[in-house]
Amino acid sequence: MATTTPYSASLDNEKFLYKLVIQLLIFCQGSHKLLEPHLLAIGAKLRSGANLQDLLSELQAVSKTLLHISKQAKQDVSAGESDSAALQNNYLLERLDELLADAEVPLRFQQQTSLLKQRVRAKHSEESYKKVIDSAIILLLNIKDYSVSERKGIDGFLGDLSERLDELGQDVETAGQANRASIDNREMLNTEIHRQVGSLKDSTQAAEELDLLKNHTAEHLDRLLEQLIEHKQLEDERQQEAQEKIELMTQKLQELETETETLRVKLKIEHDKALCDSLTGLPNRLAYNNRAEMELKRWKRYRAPLTLIIWDIDFFKSINDTYGHKAGDKTLALVAQLLLNNCRETDFVARYGGEEFVMLMPNTEESQALGMAENTRKMIQSCGFNSNGENINLTLSCGISEYKGGDLHDDVFVRADQALYQSKQGGRNRCTVFEG
């Protein structure tokens, strides 16, 4: 049986390590630019017949380089995660800003919402970012709770109104019963008077002595007088009760009228707010959808020309990024005012969302709409808009489409949107009529 000496075992280990170094060299080639010089040097020594002792310095250099690469990779991963988190945070803040801009906020929450918008648009650390998100969640929950409370208040008012109307109905029924009782009482009085008069006649005809006739007559007249007095007392009581009922019903009706008018005004204010864009003061998308439906019905009935224009502010994101969101808001408000001032009373202008505006033009063919749109575009281009003393190059593009054939509103909107896309592709600051 062969025995293995320590020397032969050492040689085997050396051969194994030598083979492992060669395999490592082959495996690592091209894997990282920092390893390449060391790998080339080891390869050159191996080709010249170097042993492990000769490669020791280069292998130590490889070990240090691998440690450096490992640390760098961890730092890159950490930085990548940080950048990814920052991008995600920015995305959430942008979406939150859009949500706050488009949300219809009750009057009592508008100041709080305005302050939150400013916080959303400011630069944030990780801690302040969390506080902004928490504040937004609390605000939205408060708005939701307020809306639910308002709905319950309206439901309660309607329930109370129903109960009061039931009470009024009962009062009217009571008054009707009293009136019927009064009629019945008069009929009874008439019957009693006829009976007493008949008895008086009979007594007169049967009387043989004047004194006896006088006594019978006096008795019948006394009974009639008692009946009349009793009837008058009952009627006076019923009249008094009826008068009190009428006064009470009048008071209840006045209270209901006051409360109903208050609710009507409140609902009108909320309805108007729900149809108004808070930033620009123009009608919002909901109001536009309602108007578009009405104009479509009118167009189908009378077939008078009807044209839609979609406006879009060129490079609006660049305005926000360069000059800040306040300048962006000011731009939207200015464009809204200019569009409103440069259309006819019969035209309808609304903010559709973001930097897009829509304009419905009744009794207008697309060629006429194009002329009007070009005048508006040129006027806005030369309006000299500035923010904090810096001139802003403000231009608009638009797409135009006329209602034709069996169009639905969505058909016209898609065509106008495609025409707007052509304006953008054509260099912006232009108006384009859709051509199929």
Protein backbone atom coordinates (compact mmCIF):
# COMPACT_ATOMS: atom_id res chain seq x y z
CA MET A 1 0.00 0.00 0.00
CA ALA A 2 1.42 3.37 -1.05
CA THR A 3 1.93 6.05 1.54
CA THR A 4 1.57 9.82 1.03
CA THR A 5 4.37 11.90 2.44
CA PRO A 6 3.83 15.49 3.59
CA TYR A 7 6.01 16.64 0.74
CA SER A 8 3.92 14.91 -1.94
CA ALA A 9 0.71 16.28 -0.35
CA SER A 10 2.16 19.76 -0.52
CA LEU A 11 2.95 19.29 -4.20
CA ASP A 12 -0.64 18.16 -4.87
CA ASN A 13 -2.04 21.22 -3.10
CA GLU A 14 0.25 23.50 -5.04
CA LYS A 15 -0.86 21.91 -8.33
CA PHE A 16 -4.49 22.31 -7.32
CA LEU A 17 -4.00 25.99 -6.43
CA TYR A 18 -2.08 26.54 -9.63
CA LYS A 19 -4.92 25.02 -11.64
CA LEU A 20 -7.45 27.12 -9.68
CA VAL A 21 -5.55 30.33 -10.47
CA ILE A 22 -5.62 29.49 -14.20
CA GLN A 23 -9.39 28.82 -14.06
CA LEU A 24 -9.93 32.10 -12.18
CA LEU A 25 -7.94 33.93 -14.81
CA ILE A 26 -10.04 32.50 -17.62
CA PHE A 27 -13.31 33.14 -15.79
CA CYS A 28 -12.57 36.77 -14.86
CA GLN A 29 -11.28 37.94 -18.25
CA GLY A 30 -13.40 40.86 -19.51
CA SER A 31 -15.49 41.00 -16.32
CA HIS A 32 -14.22 44.36 -15.03
CA LYS A 33 -11.83 46.98 -16.34
CA LEU A 34 -10.00 47.27 -12.99
CA LEU A 35 -9.12 43.55 -13.05
CA GLU A 36 -7.77 43.53 -16.60
CA PRO A 37 -4.21 44.83 -15.85
CA HIS A 38 -3.72 42.26 -13.09
CA LEU A 39 -5.13 39.42 -15.18
CA LEU A 40 -2.86 40.33 -18.10
CA ALA A 41 0.16 40.37 -15.79
CA ILE A 42 -0.74 36.98 -14.30
CA GLY A 43 -1.26 35.54 -17.77
CA ALA A 44 2.12 36.77 -18.90
CA LYS A 45 3.85 35.20 -15.87
CA LEU A 46 2.01 31.91 -16.37
CA ARG A 47 3.17 31.76 -19.98
CA SER A 48 6.78 32.31 -18.82
CA GLY A 49 6.48 29.31 -16.42
CA ALA A 50 6.03 31.16 -13.12
CA ASN A 51 4.99 29.20 -10.04
CA LEU A 52 2.57 30.17 -7.29
CA GLN A 53 5.24 31.99 -5.32
CA ASP A 54 5.97 34.17 -8.35
CA LEU A 55 2.22 34.97 -8.71
CA LEU A 56 1.68 35.82 -5.05
CA SER A 57 2.08 39.62 -5.41
CA GLU A 58 -0.31 39.79 -8.37
CA LEU A 59 -2.85 37.58 -6.61
CA GLN A 60 -2.75 39.90 -3.59
CA ALA A 61 -3.35 42.85 -5.93
CA VAL A 62 -6.33 40.98 -7.44
CA SER A 63 -7.73 40.41 -3.94
CA LYS A 64 -7.51 44.12 -3.10
CA THR A 65 -9.10 45.05 -6.42
CA LEU A 66 -11.98 42.63 -5.84
CA LEU A 67 -12.60 44.18 -2.42
CA HIS A 68 -12.64 47.65 -3.99
CA ILE A 69 -15.05 46.52 -6.74
CA SER A 70 -17.34 44.95 -4.13
CA LYS A 71 -17.48 48.17 -2.08
CA GLN A 72 -18.11 50.25 -5.21
CA ALA A 73 -20.94 47.92 -6.26
CA LYS A 74 -22.63 48.28 -2.86
CA GLN A 75 -22.36 52.06 -3.07
CA ASP A 76 -23.84 52.01 -6.60
CA VAL A 77 -26.73 49.83 -5.45
CA SER A 78 -27.36 52.14 -2.51
CA ALA A 79 -27.23 55.21 -4.76
CA GLY A 80 -29.52 53.52 -7.26
CA GLU A 81 -32.02 52.71 -4.55
CA SER A 82 -31.81 56.30 -3.32
CA ASP A 83 -32.37 57.67 -6.84
CA SER A 84 -35.26 55.27 -7.35
CA ALA A 85 -36.86 56.37 -4.08
CA ALA A 86 -36.37 60.02 -5.03
CA LEU A 87 -37.99 59.46 -8.43
CA GLN A 88 -40.90 57.66 -6.80
CA ASN A 89 -41.33 60.45 -4.26
CA ASN A 90 -41.28 63.08 -7.01
CA TYR A 91 -43.84 61.11 -9.00
CA LEU A 92 -46.16 60.86 -6.01
CA LEU A 93 -45.80 64.58 -5.31
CA GLU A 94 -46.59 65.43 -8.94
CA ARG A 95 -49.67 63.20 -8.88
CA LEU A 96 -50.73 64.75 -5.56
CA ASP A 97 -50.29 68.24 -7.03
CA GLU A 98 -52.50 67.28 -10.00
CA LEU A 99 -55.10 65.80 -7.66
CA LEU A 100 -55.24 68.96 -5.56
CA ALA A 101 -55.44 71.12 -8.69
CA ASP A 102 -58.39 69.19 -10.15
CA ALA A 103 -60.26 68.47 -6.90
CA GLU A 104 -63.38 70.48 -6.10
CA VAL A 105 -62.61 71.65 -2.57
CA PRO A 106 -65.33 73.00 -0.21
CA LEU A 107 -64.89 76.65 0.76
CA ARG A 108 -63.82 75.92 4.32
CA PHE A 109 -60.88 73.79 3.09
CA GLN A 110 -59.60 76.06 0.30
CA GLN A 111 -57.01 77.94 2.39
CA GLN A 112 -55.70 74.67 3.83
CA THR A 113 -55.54 73.21 0.32
CA SER A 114 -53.66 76.26 -1.00
CA LEU A 115 -51.03 75.94 1.75
CA LEU A 116 -50.68 72.22 1.06
CA LYS A 117 -50.15 72.93 -2.66
CA GLN A 118 -47.24 75.23 -1.76
CA ARG A 119 -45.74 72.53 0.46
CA VAL A 120 -46.13 69.92 -2.27
CA ARG A 121 -44.25 72.09 -4.76
CA ALA A 122 -41.36 72.86 -2.39
CA LYS A 123 -38.17 70.79 -2.21
CA HIS A 124 -38.39 68.04 0.39
CA SER A 125 -36.19 65.99 2.62
CA GLU A 126 -37.30 62.45 3.40
CA GLU A 127 -38.86 63.62 6.67
CA SER A 128 -40.70 66.62 5.19
CA TYR A 129 -41.91 64.41 2.31
CA LYS A 130 -43.59 62.07 4.80
CA LYS A 131 -45.20 65.02 6.59
CA VAL A 132 -46.60 66.39 3.31
CA ILE A 133 -48.07 63.00 2.39
CA ASP A 134 -49.59 62.67 5.89
CA SER A 135 -51.06 66.19 5.65
CA ALA A 136 -52.55 65.40 2.23
CA ILE A 137 -54.13 62.20 3.52
CA ILE A 138 -55.61 64.03 6.53
CA LEU A 139 -56.96 66.83 4.30
CA LEU A 140 -58.58 64.40 1.85
CA LEU A 141 -60.13 62.43 4.73
CA ASN A 142 -61.47 65.68 6.26
CA ILE A 143 -62.99 66.67 2.91
CA LYS A 144 -64.56 63.22 2.63
CA ASP A 145 -65.96 63.42 6.18
CA TYR A 146 -67.30 66.92 5.49
CA SER A 147 -69.00 65.74 2.29
CA VAL A 148 -70.56 62.81 4.17
CA SER A 149 -71.68 65.22 6.91
CA GLU A 150 -73.20 67.56 4.33
CA ARG A 151 -75.02 64.66 2.73
CA LYS A 152 -76.36 63.58 6.13
CA GLY A 153 -77.40 67.18 6.80
CA ILE A 154 -79.37 67.31 3.55
CA ASP A 155 -80.92 63.92 4.26
CA GLY A 156 -81.86 65.13 7.76
CA PHE A 157 -83.39 68.31 6.36
CA LEU A 158 -85.43 66.35 3.84
CA GLY A 159 -86.59 63.98 6.60
CA ASP A 160 -87.56 66.93 8.81
CA LEU A 161 -89.29 68.57 5.86
CA SER A 162 -91.31 65.40 5.29
CA GLU A 163 -92.36 65.30 8.96
CA ARG A 164 -93.39 68.96 8.89
CA LEU A 165 -95.41 68.45 5.74
CA ASP A 166 -97.15 65.53 7.46
CA GLU A 167 -97.94 67.82 10.41
CA LEU A 168 -99.32 70.46 8.06
CA GLY A 169 -101.41 67.79 6.40
CA GLN A 170 -102.79 66.78 9.78
CA ASP A 171 -103.52 70.45 10.63
CA VAL A 172 -105.35 70.87 7.34
CA GLU A 173 -107.34 67.71 8.04
CA THR A 174 -108.20 69.02 11.54
CA ALA A 175 -109.30 72.33 10.03
CA GLY A 176 -111.40 70.43 7.53
CA GLN A 177 -113.00 68.40 10.30
CA ALA A 178 -113.76 71.57 12.26
CA ASN A 179 -115.33 73.11 9.17
CA ARG A 180 -117.46 70.00 8.61
CA ALA A 181 -118.50 70.04 12.29
CA SER A 182 -119.51 73.70 11.90
CA ILE A 183 -121.64 72.84 8.88
CA ASP A 184 -123.27 69.96 10.76
CA ASN A 185 -123.96 72.24 13.70
CA ARG A 186 -125.65 74.82 11.46
CA GLU A 187 -127.80 72.13 9.95
CA MET A 188 -128.80 70.96 13.44
CA LEU A 189 -129.63 74.57 14.37
CA ASN A 190 -131.76 74.99 11.26
CA THR A 191 -133.60 71.76 12.08
CA GLU A 192 -134.20 72.88 15.67
CA ILE A 193 -135.42 76.31 14.52
CA HIS A 194 -137.85 74.68 12.08
CA ARG A 195 -139.04 72.36 14.87
CA GLN A 196 -139.54 75.23 17.32
CA VAL A 197 -141.34 77.34 14.70
CA GLY A 198 -143.58 74.37 13.86
CA SER A 199 -144.37 73.82 17.53
CA LEU A 200 -145.11 77.53 17.88
CA LYS A 201 -147.57 77.36 14.97
CA ASP A 202 -149.25 74.32 16.45
CA SER A 203 -149.49 76.02 19.85
CA THR A 204 -150.94 79.15 18.26
CA GLN A 205 -153.61 77.25 16.41
CA ALA A 206 -154.54 75.17 19.48
CA ALA A 207 -154.50 78.05 21.96
CA GLU A 208 -157.90 79.07 23.32
CA GLU A 209 -156.72 81.77 25.68
CA LEU A 210 -154.40 84.71 25.03
CA ASP A 211 -152.37 84.21 28.20
CA LEU A 212 -151.72 80.58 27.39
CA LEU A 213 -150.63 81.57 23.86
CA LYS A 214 -148.26 84.16 25.30
CA ASN A 215 -146.71 81.58 27.61
CA HIS A 216 -146.21 79.02 24.81
CA THR A 217 -144.75 81.68 22.55
CA ALA A 218 -142.34 82.88 25.25
CA GLU A 219 -141.17 79.32 25.95
CA HIS A 220 -140.46 78.60 22.27
CA LEU A 221 -138.66 81.92 21.82
CA ASP A 222 -136.54 81.25 24.91
CA ARG A 223 -135.54 77.86 23.55
CA LEU A 224 -134.65 79.41 20.17
CA LEU A 225 -132.60 82.09 21.92
CA GLU A 226 -130.73 79.46 23.93
CA GLN A 227 -130.03 77.45 20.77
CA LEU A 228 -128.75 80.55 18.97
CA ILE A 229 -126.53 81.58 21.89
CA GLU A 230 -125.10 78.04 22.20
CA HIS A 231 -124.53 77.88 18.45
CA LYS A 232 -122.78 81.26 18.50
CA GLN A 233 -120.49 80.14 21.34
CA LEU A 234 -119.57 76.95 19.49
CA GLU A 235 -118.93 78.88 16.30
CA ASP A 236 -116.80 81.44 18.13
CA GLU A 237 -114.73 78.65 19.69
CA ARG A 238 -114.32 76.90 16.34
CA GLN A 239 -113.42 80.18 14.64
CA GLN A 240 -110.83 80.92 17.31
CA GLU A 241 -109.38 77.42 17.03
CA ALA A 242 -109.36 77.62 13.24
CA GLN A 243 -107.64 81.04 13.38
CA GLU A 244 -104.95 79.65 15.68
CA LYS A 245 -104.47 76.66 13.36
CA ILE A 246 -104.15 78.95 10.35
CA GLU A 247 -101.62 81.18 12.13
CA LEU A 248 -99.61 78.11 13.18
CA MET A 249 -99.64 76.68 9.65
CA THR A 250 -98.63 80.08 8.25
CA GLN A 251 -95.71 80.24 10.68
CA LYS A 252 -94.60 76.70 9.79
CA LEU A 253 -94.84 77.45 6.08
CA GLN A 254 -92.75 80.61 6.50
CA GLU A 255 -90.11 78.66 8.43
CA LEU A 256 -90.06 75.98 5.73
CA GLU A 257 -89.76 78.63 3.00
CA THR A 258 -86.81 80.24 4.82
CA GLU A 259 -85.01 76.94 5.37
CA THR A 260 -85.72 75.78 1.83
CA GLU A 261 -84.42 79.03 0.37
CA THR A 262 -81.26 78.77 2.51
CA LEU A 263 -80.71 75.21 1.31
CA ARG A 264 -81.42 76.20 -2.29
CA VAL A 265 -78.82 78.99 -2.16
CA LYS A 266 -76.29 76.69 -0.51
CA LEU A 267 -76.87 73.95 -3.08
CA LYS A 268 -76.55 76.47 -5.90
CA ILE A 269 -73.24 77.69 -4.52
CA GLU A 270 -71.96 74.12 -4.22
CA HIS A 271 -73.29 73.26 -7.68
CA ASP A 272 -71.63 76.30 -9.22
CA LYS A 273 -68.38 75.41 -7.45
CA ALA A 274 -68.60 71.84 -8.69
CA LEU A 275 -68.74 73.17 -12.26
CA CYS A 276 -65.97 75.77 -11.85
CA ASP A 277 -62.18 75.40 -12.06
CA SER A 278 -60.84 77.02 -8.90
CA LEU A 279 -57.54 78.16 -10.45
CA THR A 280 -58.73 79.83 -13.67
CA GLY A 281 -62.35 80.60 -12.85
CA LEU A 282 -63.43 78.91 -16.09
CA PRO A 283 -65.97 76.08 -16.25
CA ASN A 284 -64.29 72.72 -15.59
CA ARG A 285 -64.45 69.39 -17.42
CA LEU A 286 -67.76 68.41 -15.81
CA ALA A 287 -69.35 71.69 -16.94
CA TYR A 288 -67.87 71.18 -20.40
CA ASN A 289 -69.32 67.66 -20.66
CA ASN A 290 -72.76 69.01 -19.73
CA ARG A 291 -72.51 71.83 -22.27
CA ALA A 292 -71.17 69.52 -24.98
CA GLU A 293 -74.15 67.21 -24.52
CA MET A 294 -76.55 70.15 -24.78
CA GLU A 295 -74.84 71.57 -27.90
CA LEU A 296 -74.84 68.11 -29.51
CA LYS A 297 -78.62 67.82 -29.06
CA ARG A 298 -79.09 71.33 -30.47
CA TRP A 299 -76.84 70.53 -33.45
CA LYS A 300 -78.75 67.31 -34.20
CA ARG A 301 -82.04 69.21 -34.09
CA TYR A 302 -81.21 72.33 -36.09
CA ARG A 303 -78.06 71.21 -38.01
CA ALA A 304 -76.48 74.63 -37.58
CA PRO A 305 -72.64 74.44 -37.80
CA LEU A 306 -70.81 73.53 -34.58
CA THR A 307 -67.03 73.42 -34.15
CA LEU A 308 -64.74 72.23 -31.36
CA ILE A 309 -61.26 73.64 -30.62
CA ILE A 310 -58.76 72.03 -28.25
CA TRP A 311 -56.05 74.43 -27.03
CA ASP A 312 -52.77 73.39 -25.39
CA ILE A 313 -50.02 75.58 -23.88
CA ASP A 314 -46.69 74.85 -25.57
CA PHE A 315 -43.82 73.67 -23.33
CA PHE A 316 -45.91 74.19 -20.19
CA LYS A 317 -43.83 71.68 -18.20
CA SER A 318 -40.74 73.68 -19.08
CA ILE A 319 -42.41 76.83 -17.67
CA ASN A 320 -43.14 74.99 -14.43
CA ASP A 321 -39.62 73.55 -14.20
CA THR A 322 -37.83 76.79 -15.10
CA TYR A 323 -39.91 79.47 -13.35
CA GLY A 324 -41.77 77.45 -10.70
CA HIS A 325 -45.33 76.33 -10.18
CA LYS A 326 -46.51 79.82 -9.24
CA ALA A 327 -45.51 81.01 -12.69
CA GLY A 328 -47.28 77.96 -14.12
CA ASP A 329 -50.48 78.82 -12.25
CA LYS A 330 -50.20 82.43 -13.39
CA THR A 331 -49.78 81.22 -16.98
CA LEU A 332 -52.92 79.06 -16.78
CA ALA A 333 -54.97 81.92 -15.30
CA LEU A 334 -53.70 84.37 -17.96
CA VAL A 335 -54.41 82.01 -20.87
CA ALA A 336 -57.89 81.29 -19.50
CA GLN A 337 -58.66 85.02 -19.32
CA LEU A 338 -57.30 85.70 -22.81
CA LEU A 339 -59.30 82.85 -24.35
CA LEU A 340 -62.44 84.04 -22.57
CA ASN A 341 -61.94 87.65 -23.65
CA ASN A 342 -61.37 86.71 -27.29
CA CYS A 343 -64.43 84.59 -27.94
CA ARG A 344 -68.08 85.46 -28.53
CA GLU A 345 -70.81 85.39 -25.90
CA THR A 346 -72.30 82.33 -27.58
CA ASP A 347 -68.99 80.40 -27.41
CA PHE A 348 -68.15 78.20 -24.46
CA VAL A 349 -64.61 78.01 -23.02
CA ALA A 350 -63.54 75.57 -20.31
CA ARG A 351 -60.38 74.20 -18.75
CA TYR A 352 -60.32 70.54 -19.71
CA GLY A 353 -57.43 69.60 -17.44
CA GLY A 354 -53.72 70.34 -16.98
CA GLU A 355 -52.69 72.85 -19.63
CA GLU A 356 -55.54 71.96 -22.03
CA PHE A 357 -58.55 74.16 -22.77
CA VAL A 358 -61.60 73.43 -24.92
CA MET A 359 -63.86 75.78 -26.86
CA LEU A 360 -67.29 75.01 -28.33
CA MET A 361 -68.34 77.40 -31.10
CA PRO A 362 -72.01 77.19 -32.18
CA ASN A 363 -73.05 78.48 -35.62
CA THR A 364 -69.41 78.35 -36.70
CA GLU A 365 -67.82 76.35 -39.52
CA GLU A 366 -64.28 75.06 -39.05
CA SER A 367 -62.88 77.60 -41.58
CA GLN A 368 -64.35 80.45 -39.51
CA ALA A 369 -63.08 78.85 -36.33
CA LEU A 370 -59.59 78.63 -37.84
CA GLY A 371 -59.56 82.38 -38.54
CA MET A 372 -60.65 83.19 -35.01
CA ALA A 373 -58.14 80.72 -33.55
CA GLU A 374 -55.27 82.23 -35.57
CA ASN A 375 -56.10 85.70 -34.29
CA THR A 376 -56.18 84.42 -30.71
CA ARG A 377 -52.92 82.49 -31.14
CA LYS A 378 -51.09 85.55 -32.51
CA MET A 379 -52.48 87.77 -29.76
CA ILE A 380 -51.30 85.37 -27.03
CA GLN A 381 -47.87 85.05 -28.68
CA SER A 382 -47.40 88.82 -28.47
CA CYS A 383 -48.97 89.38 -25.04
CA GLY A 384 -45.59 89.94 -23.32
CA PHE A 385 -46.07 87.61 -20.39
CA ASN A 386 -43.41 87.72 -17.67
CA SER A 387 -42.75 86.28 -14.23
CA ASN A 388 -40.68 88.17 -11.64
CA GLY A 389 -39.35 90.41 -14.38
CA GLU A 390 -38.34 87.52 -16.68
CA ASN A 391 -40.02 87.29 -20.07
CA ILE A 392 -41.71 83.97 -20.78
CA ASN A 393 -42.19 82.84 -24.35
CA LEU A 394 -45.87 81.94 -24.18
CA THR A 395 -47.44 80.24 -27.20
CA LEU A 396 -50.44 77.98 -27.80
CA SER A 397 -51.27 75.25 -30.28
CA CYS A 398 -54.75 74.04 -31.15
CA GLY A 399 -56.66 71.40 -33.07
CA ILE A 400 -60.00 72.12 -34.77
CA SER A 401 -62.82 69.83 -35.88
CA GLU A 402 -66.40 70.46 -37.00
CA TYR A 403 -69.39 68.26 -36.17
CA LYS A 404 -70.43 66.33 -39.28
CA GLY A 405 -72.72 63.51 -40.38
CA GLY A 406 -73.71 61.21 -37.53
CA ASP A 407 -70.98 62.41 -35.16
CA LEU A 408 -71.04 61.80 -31.46
CA HIS A 409 -69.08 64.18 -29.26
CA ASP A 410 -66.25 61.68 -28.74
CA ASP A 411 -65.77 61.42 -32.52
CA VAL A 412 -65.26 65.16 -32.84
CA PHE A 413 -63.02 65.31 -29.77
CA VAL A 414 -60.73 62.58 -31.11
CA ARG A 415 -60.39 64.40 -34.45
CA ALA A 416 -59.64 67.73 -32.76
CA ASP A 417 -57.08 65.98 -30.53
CA GLN A 418 -55.41 64.46 -33.59
CA ALA A 419 -55.30 67.90 -35.22
CA LEU A 420 -53.69 69.27 -32.03
CA TYR A 421 -51.09 66.49 -32.25
CA GLN A 422 -50.35 67.57 -35.83
CA SER A 423 -49.84 71.15 -34.58
CA LYS A 424 -47.37 69.89 -31.98
CA GLN A 425 -45.53 67.72 -34.50
CA GLY A 426 -45.42 70.62 -36.94
CA GLY A 427 -43.41 72.80 -34.57
CA ARG A 428 -46.08 74.11 -32.14
CA ASN A 429 -47.49 77.65 -32.02
CA ARG A 430 -49.95 76.85 -34.80
CA CYS A 431 -53.59 75.96 -35.44
CA THR A 432 -54.58 72.90 -37.45
CA VAL A 433 -57.93 71.82 -38.89
CA PHE A 434 -58.43 68.08 -38.93
CA GLU A 435 -58.29 66.57 -42.38
CA GLY A 436 -59.29 62.92 -42.61
